[in-house]
């Protein structure tokens, strides 16, 4: 069965979804990712979905579940690269992706993961300069 690669970048895990997601692949990613969070004691997960042009309700729920499971395992989740059509679809499906922070690209997503959780933008700027 095909798997989505999970790369470790220091204290973070990076997942870049480059294939069309189907239900079994999404469930495998959820299992693989939670296991890697525990194994590596990752503090954050960045999921790049820029290659996804469509997301159905199941995939949307899996993204939300991954964020919830990651939070329980003490890791933040940031989803990056969301296409406008995907955002519209998620809203129309009523999926708010609670607990999932988003960013435009990988660079901004990594900055979110590195920032102190809950810090104001001014506090993040202060931490970035030190």
N, C-alpha and C. Protein backbone atom coordinates (compact mmCIF):
# COMPACT_ATOMS: atom_id res chain seq x y z
N UNK A 1 0.84 -1.19 0.00
CA UNK A 1 0.00 0.00 0.00
C UNK A 1 0.89 1.25 0.00
N UNK A 2 0.50 2.24 -0.77
CA UNK A 2 1.29 3.46 -0.82
C UNK A 2 1.16 4.24 0.49
N UNK A 3 2.19 4.97 0.81
CA UNK A 3 2.23 5.77 2.04
C UNK A 3 2.68 7.18 1.69
N UNK A 4 2.26 8.13 2.50
CA UNK A 4 2.70 9.51 2.34
C UNK A 4 3.93 9.69 3.22
N UNK A 5 5.04 10.18 2.66
CA UNK A 5 6.26 10.33 3.45
C UNK A 5 6.09 11.37 4.56
N UNK A 6 6.72 11.08 5.68
CA UNK A 6 6.75 11.98 6.83
C UNK A 6 8.22 12.27 7.12
N UNK A 7 8.61 13.53 6.93
CA UNK A 7 9.99 13.93 7.13
C UNK A 7 10.16 14.60 8.48
N UNK A 8 11.28 14.35 9.13
CA UNK A 8 11.58 15.03 10.39
C UNK A 8 12.53 16.18 10.11
N UNK A 9 12.15 17.35 10.63
CA UNK A 9 12.98 18.55 10.52
C UNK A 9 13.17 19.07 11.94
N UNK A 10 14.21 18.61 12.60
CA UNK A 10 14.43 18.99 13.99
C UNK A 10 13.30 18.47 14.86
N UNK A 11 12.63 19.39 15.53
CA UNK A 11 11.55 19.00 16.45
C UNK A 11 10.18 18.94 15.76
N UNK A 12 10.16 19.09 14.44
CA UNK A 12 8.91 19.11 13.69
C UNK A 12 8.86 17.98 12.67
N UNK A 13 7.63 17.61 12.32
CA UNK A 13 7.40 16.65 11.24
C UNK A 13 6.76 17.37 10.08
N UNK A 14 7.21 17.07 8.88
CA UNK A 14 6.70 17.70 7.66
C UNK A 14 6.07 16.63 6.79
N UNK A 15 4.81 16.88 6.41
CA UNK A 15 4.07 15.98 5.53
C UNK A 15 3.67 16.78 4.30
N UNK A 16 4.10 16.33 3.14
CA UNK A 16 3.71 16.98 1.90
C UNK A 16 2.88 16.00 1.10
N UNK A 17 1.61 16.32 0.94
CA UNK A 17 0.70 15.43 0.23
C UNK A 17 0.76 15.80 -1.26
N UNK A 18 1.33 14.90 -2.05
CA UNK A 18 1.52 15.14 -3.47
C UNK A 18 0.63 14.25 -4.35
N UNK A 19 -0.22 13.46 -3.74
CA UNK A 19 -1.09 12.54 -4.48
C UNK A 19 -2.54 12.80 -4.09
N UNK A 20 -3.45 12.33 -4.93
CA UNK A 20 -4.86 12.43 -4.58
C UNK A 20 -5.12 11.56 -3.36
N UNK A 21 -5.73 12.16 -2.35
CA UNK A 21 -6.01 11.42 -1.13
C UNK A 21 -7.26 10.57 -1.30
N UNK A 22 -7.16 9.34 -0.90
CA UNK A 22 -8.33 8.49 -0.81
C UNK A 22 -8.44 8.03 0.63
N UNK A 23 -9.55 7.45 0.99
CA UNK A 23 -9.85 7.16 2.39
C UNK A 23 -8.79 6.29 3.06
N UNK A 24 -8.36 5.21 2.42
CA UNK A 24 -7.38 4.32 3.04
C UNK A 24 -6.04 5.01 3.24
N UNK A 25 -5.65 5.84 2.27
CA UNK A 25 -4.39 6.58 2.38
C UNK A 25 -4.47 7.60 3.51
N UNK A 26 -5.60 8.25 3.66
CA UNK A 26 -5.79 9.23 4.74
C UNK A 26 -5.72 8.55 6.11
N UNK A 27 -6.35 7.39 6.24
CA UNK A 27 -6.30 6.65 7.51
C UNK A 27 -4.88 6.18 7.82
N UNK A 28 -4.17 5.74 6.78
CA UNK A 28 -2.78 5.31 6.98
C UNK A 28 -1.92 6.49 7.42
N UNK A 29 -2.13 7.66 6.81
CA UNK A 29 -1.39 8.85 7.21
C UNK A 29 -1.66 9.19 8.67
N UNK A 30 -2.92 9.14 9.07
CA UNK A 30 -3.28 9.42 10.46
C UNK A 30 -2.53 8.49 11.41
N UNK A 31 -2.53 7.20 11.12
CA UNK A 31 -1.82 6.24 11.97
C UNK A 31 -0.31 6.46 11.95
N UNK A 32 0.25 6.61 10.75
CA UNK A 32 1.70 6.80 10.63
C UNK A 32 2.15 8.06 11.36
N UNK A 33 1.38 9.13 11.20
CA UNK A 33 1.77 10.41 11.79
C UNK A 33 1.70 10.37 13.31
N UNK A 34 0.65 9.82 13.86
CA UNK A 34 0.56 9.75 15.33
C UNK A 34 1.68 8.88 15.90
N UNK A 35 2.00 7.80 15.22
CA UNK A 35 3.11 6.95 15.68
C UNK A 35 4.44 7.69 15.61
N UNK A 36 4.66 8.47 14.55
CA UNK A 36 5.92 9.23 14.42
C UNK A 36 6.01 10.34 15.45
N UNK A 37 4.87 10.96 15.79
CA UNK A 37 4.89 12.01 16.83
C UNK A 37 5.39 11.42 18.13
N UNK A 38 4.87 10.26 18.49
CA UNK A 38 5.29 9.61 19.74
C UNK A 38 6.75 9.18 19.65
N UNK A 39 7.13 8.55 18.55
CA UNK A 39 8.49 8.02 18.40
C UNK A 39 9.54 9.12 18.44
N UNK A 40 9.24 10.26 17.78
CA UNK A 40 10.23 11.34 17.68
C UNK A 40 10.04 12.43 18.73
N UNK A 41 8.95 12.36 19.48
CA UNK A 41 8.57 13.40 20.44
C UNK A 41 8.50 14.77 19.76
N UNK A 42 7.94 14.77 18.56
CA UNK A 42 7.82 16.00 17.77
C UNK A 42 6.95 17.02 18.51
N UNK A 43 7.33 18.28 18.36
CA UNK A 43 6.57 19.37 18.98
C UNK A 43 5.58 19.99 18.01
N UNK A 44 5.71 19.68 16.73
CA UNK A 44 4.81 20.25 15.74
C UNK A 44 4.74 19.42 14.48
N UNK A 45 3.62 19.60 13.78
CA UNK A 45 3.39 18.89 12.51
C UNK A 45 2.96 19.93 11.49
N UNK A 46 3.63 19.93 10.35
CA UNK A 46 3.26 20.81 9.26
C UNK A 46 2.77 19.93 8.11
N UNK A 47 1.54 20.17 7.65
CA UNK A 47 0.96 19.39 6.57
C UNK A 47 0.75 20.31 5.37
N UNK A 48 1.46 20.02 4.29
CA UNK A 48 1.37 20.81 3.07
C UNK A 48 0.36 20.15 2.13
N UNK A 49 -0.77 20.85 1.91
CA UNK A 49 -1.81 20.30 1.03
C UNK A 49 -1.93 21.10 -0.27
N UNK A 50 -0.87 21.81 -0.64
CA UNK A 50 -0.93 22.67 -1.82
C UNK A 50 -1.22 21.91 -3.10
N UNK A 51 -0.91 20.63 -3.16
CA UNK A 51 -1.18 19.84 -4.36
C UNK A 51 -2.61 19.32 -4.42
N UNK A 52 -3.35 19.44 -3.32
CA UNK A 52 -4.74 18.95 -3.32
C UNK A 52 -5.67 19.99 -3.91
N UNK A 53 -6.38 19.59 -4.95
CA UNK A 53 -7.33 20.50 -5.57
C UNK A 53 -8.73 20.32 -5.02
N UNK A 54 -9.02 19.13 -4.49
CA UNK A 54 -10.33 18.89 -3.87
C UNK A 54 -10.14 18.12 -2.58
N UNK A 55 -11.03 18.36 -1.65
CA UNK A 55 -11.04 17.66 -0.38
C UNK A 55 -12.50 17.33 -0.07
N UNK A 56 -12.77 16.05 0.20
CA UNK A 56 -14.14 15.69 0.57
C UNK A 56 -14.30 15.75 2.08
N UNK A 57 -15.50 15.47 2.55
CA UNK A 57 -15.78 15.59 3.99
C UNK A 57 -14.94 14.63 4.81
N UNK A 58 -14.67 13.43 4.29
CA UNK A 58 -13.88 12.46 5.04
C UNK A 58 -12.45 12.95 5.21
N UNK A 59 -11.83 13.42 4.14
CA UNK A 59 -10.45 13.92 4.22
C UNK A 59 -10.40 15.14 5.14
N UNK A 60 -11.40 16.00 5.05
CA UNK A 60 -11.47 17.15 5.95
C UNK A 60 -11.54 16.73 7.40
N UNK A 61 -12.35 15.72 7.70
CA UNK A 61 -12.45 15.22 9.08
C UNK A 61 -11.13 14.60 9.52
N UNK A 62 -10.46 13.89 8.61
CA UNK A 62 -9.16 13.28 8.97
C UNK A 62 -8.15 14.37 9.32
N UNK A 63 -8.11 15.46 8.56
CA UNK A 63 -7.20 16.57 8.89
C UNK A 63 -7.50 17.11 10.28
N UNK A 64 -8.78 17.27 10.58
CA UNK A 64 -9.18 17.73 11.92
C UNK A 64 -8.80 16.72 12.99
N UNK A 65 -8.99 15.43 12.71
CA UNK A 65 -8.62 14.37 13.66
C UNK A 65 -7.12 14.35 13.91
N UNK A 66 -6.34 14.53 12.84
CA UNK A 66 -4.88 14.55 12.99
C UNK A 66 -4.48 15.69 13.92
N UNK A 67 -5.09 16.86 13.74
CA UNK A 67 -4.77 18.00 14.60
C UNK A 67 -5.14 17.71 16.05
N UNK A 68 -6.30 17.11 16.27
CA UNK A 68 -6.73 16.79 17.63
C UNK A 68 -5.80 15.76 18.26
N UNK A 69 -5.49 14.71 17.52
CA UNK A 69 -4.59 13.67 18.05
C UNK A 69 -3.21 14.24 18.32
N UNK A 70 -2.72 15.09 17.43
CA UNK A 70 -1.41 15.71 17.63
C UNK A 70 -1.41 16.55 18.90
N UNK A 71 -2.48 17.33 19.10
CA UNK A 71 -2.57 18.18 20.29
C UNK A 71 -2.56 17.32 21.56
N UNK A 72 -3.28 16.20 21.53
CA UNK A 72 -3.29 15.29 22.68
C UNK A 72 -1.89 14.75 22.94
N UNK A 73 -1.12 14.56 21.85
CA UNK A 73 0.25 14.07 21.97
C UNK A 73 1.26 15.20 22.13
N UNK A 74 0.77 16.41 22.43
CA UNK A 74 1.59 17.58 22.72
C UNK A 74 2.35 18.11 21.51
N UNK A 75 1.70 18.08 20.34
CA UNK A 75 2.30 18.65 19.13
C UNK A 75 1.27 19.55 18.45
N UNK A 76 1.69 20.73 18.03
CA UNK A 76 0.82 21.64 17.28
C UNK A 76 0.75 21.19 15.83
N UNK A 77 -0.34 21.57 15.16
CA UNK A 77 -0.49 21.24 13.74
C UNK A 77 -0.76 22.52 12.95
N UNK A 78 -0.08 22.65 11.82
CA UNK A 78 -0.32 23.75 10.89
C UNK A 78 -0.51 23.14 9.51
N UNK A 79 -1.59 23.54 8.85
CA UNK A 79 -1.85 23.11 7.47
C UNK A 79 -1.51 24.29 6.57
N UNK A 80 -0.72 24.03 5.54
CA UNK A 80 -0.29 25.09 4.63
C UNK A 80 -0.69 24.77 3.20
N UNK A 81 -0.75 25.83 2.39
CA UNK A 81 -0.97 25.68 0.97
C UNK A 81 -2.39 25.35 0.55
N UNK A 82 -3.36 25.70 1.39
CA UNK A 82 -4.74 25.37 1.05
C UNK A 82 -5.21 26.20 -0.14
N UNK A 83 -5.70 25.51 -1.17
CA UNK A 83 -6.24 26.17 -2.34
C UNK A 83 -7.58 26.82 -1.99
N UNK A 84 -7.94 27.94 -2.62
CA UNK A 84 -9.22 28.59 -2.33
C UNK A 84 -10.42 27.64 -2.49
N UNK A 85 -10.40 26.80 -3.52
CA UNK A 85 -11.52 25.88 -3.74
C UNK A 85 -11.64 24.89 -2.58
N UNK A 86 -10.52 24.48 -2.00
CA UNK A 86 -10.55 23.57 -0.85
C UNK A 86 -11.14 24.27 0.36
N UNK A 87 -10.73 25.52 0.60
CA UNK A 87 -11.27 26.28 1.72
C UNK A 87 -12.78 26.46 1.56
N UNK A 88 -13.22 26.78 0.37
CA UNK A 88 -14.65 26.96 0.12
C UNK A 88 -15.40 25.66 0.37
N UNK A 89 -14.86 24.56 -0.13
CA UNK A 89 -15.50 23.26 0.06
C UNK A 89 -15.61 22.90 1.54
N UNK A 90 -14.54 23.11 2.30
CA UNK A 90 -14.57 22.79 3.72
C UNK A 90 -15.65 23.60 4.45
N UNK A 91 -15.75 24.88 4.11
CA UNK A 91 -16.77 25.73 4.74
C UNK A 91 -18.16 25.26 4.34
N UNK A 92 -18.35 24.95 3.06
CA UNK A 92 -19.65 24.48 2.60
C UNK A 92 -20.04 23.16 3.24
N UNK A 93 -19.06 22.33 3.56
CA UNK A 93 -19.33 21.05 4.23
C UNK A 93 -19.53 21.22 5.73
N UNK A 94 -19.30 22.43 6.23
CA UNK A 94 -19.46 22.69 7.66
C UNK A 94 -18.31 22.21 8.51
N UNK A 95 -17.14 22.03 7.90
CA UNK A 95 -15.96 21.57 8.63
C UNK A 95 -15.10 22.77 9.00
N UNK A 96 -14.98 23.04 10.28
CA UNK A 96 -14.22 24.21 10.72
C UNK A 96 -12.76 23.89 11.01
N UNK A 97 -12.39 22.60 11.03
CA UNK A 97 -11.03 22.18 11.35
C UNK A 97 -10.54 22.80 12.65
N UNK A 98 -11.32 22.63 13.68
CA UNK A 98 -10.99 23.15 15.01
C UNK A 98 -9.61 22.65 15.44
N UNK A 99 -8.80 23.57 15.90
CA UNK A 99 -7.47 23.23 16.38
C UNK A 99 -6.41 23.21 15.30
N UNK A 100 -6.81 23.45 14.05
CA UNK A 100 -5.86 23.47 12.96
C UNK A 100 -5.52 24.91 12.62
N UNK A 101 -4.25 25.26 12.78
CA UNK A 101 -3.81 26.58 12.34
C UNK A 101 -3.42 26.46 10.87
N UNK A 102 -3.56 27.53 10.13
CA UNK A 102 -3.24 27.50 8.71
C UNK A 102 -2.26 28.62 8.38
N UNK A 103 -1.54 28.41 7.28
CA UNK A 103 -0.62 29.42 6.76
C UNK A 103 -0.60 29.28 5.25
N UNK A 104 -0.16 30.33 4.60
CA UNK A 104 -0.15 30.36 3.14
C UNK A 104 0.87 29.38 2.56
N UNK A 105 2.06 29.31 3.17
CA UNK A 105 3.11 28.46 2.61
C UNK A 105 3.92 27.80 3.72
N UNK A 106 4.85 26.95 3.33
CA UNK A 106 5.65 26.19 4.30
C UNK A 106 6.46 27.11 5.19
N UNK A 107 7.06 28.15 4.62
CA UNK A 107 7.89 29.08 5.41
C UNK A 107 7.06 29.72 6.53
N UNK A 108 5.87 30.22 6.19
CA UNK A 108 5.01 30.84 7.21
C UNK A 108 4.50 29.79 8.21
N UNK A 109 4.25 28.58 7.73
CA UNK A 109 3.80 27.51 8.61
C UNK A 109 4.86 27.14 9.63
N UNK A 110 6.11 27.06 9.18
CA UNK A 110 7.20 26.77 10.11
C UNK A 110 7.37 27.89 11.13
N UNK A 111 7.19 29.12 10.69
CA UNK A 111 7.27 30.25 11.62
C UNK A 111 6.18 30.14 12.68
N UNK A 112 4.98 29.72 12.30
CA UNK A 112 3.91 29.52 13.27
C UNK A 112 4.27 28.43 14.27
N UNK A 113 4.84 27.34 13.78
CA UNK A 113 5.22 26.25 14.69
C UNK A 113 6.32 26.68 15.65
N UNK A 114 7.24 27.52 15.18
CA UNK A 114 8.35 27.96 16.02
C UNK A 114 7.92 29.01 17.04
N UNK A 115 6.83 29.72 16.76
CA UNK A 115 6.41 30.80 17.66
C UNK A 115 5.82 30.22 18.94
N UNK A 116 5.99 30.93 20.04
CA UNK A 116 5.38 30.47 21.29
C UNK A 116 3.87 30.40 21.12
N UNK A 117 3.29 29.30 21.55
CA UNK A 117 1.84 29.09 21.40
C UNK A 117 1.08 30.20 22.11
N UNK A 118 0.18 30.82 21.39
CA UNK A 118 -0.67 31.84 21.98
C UNK A 118 -0.05 33.21 22.08
N UNK A 119 1.19 33.35 21.62
CA UNK A 119 1.84 34.66 21.72
C UNK A 119 1.22 35.63 20.72
N UNK A 120 1.20 36.88 21.10
CA UNK A 120 0.70 37.90 20.19
C UNK A 120 1.72 38.10 19.08
N UNK A 121 1.32 38.70 17.95
CA UNK A 121 2.29 38.95 16.87
C UNK A 121 3.50 39.76 17.34
N UNK A 122 3.27 40.72 18.25
CA UNK A 122 4.38 41.53 18.76
C UNK A 122 5.36 40.67 19.56
N UNK A 123 4.82 39.75 20.39
CA UNK A 123 5.68 38.88 21.17
C UNK A 123 6.46 37.94 20.26
N UNK A 124 5.81 37.44 19.20
CA UNK A 124 6.50 36.56 18.26
C UNK A 124 7.65 37.30 17.58
N UNK A 125 7.42 38.58 17.23
CA UNK A 125 8.48 39.38 16.60
C UNK A 125 9.65 39.54 17.56
N UNK A 126 9.38 39.76 18.83
CA UNK A 126 10.43 39.90 19.83
C UNK A 126 11.24 38.62 19.95
N UNK A 127 10.54 37.45 19.98
CA UNK A 127 11.24 36.16 20.06
C UNK A 127 12.05 35.88 18.82
N UNK A 128 11.55 36.30 17.65
CA UNK A 128 12.25 36.05 16.40
C UNK A 128 13.55 36.86 16.32
N UNK A 129 13.58 38.01 16.96
CA UNK A 129 14.75 38.87 16.90
C UNK A 129 15.83 38.45 17.88
N UNK A 130 15.48 37.67 18.89
CA UNK A 130 16.49 37.27 19.89
C UNK A 130 17.18 36.00 19.52
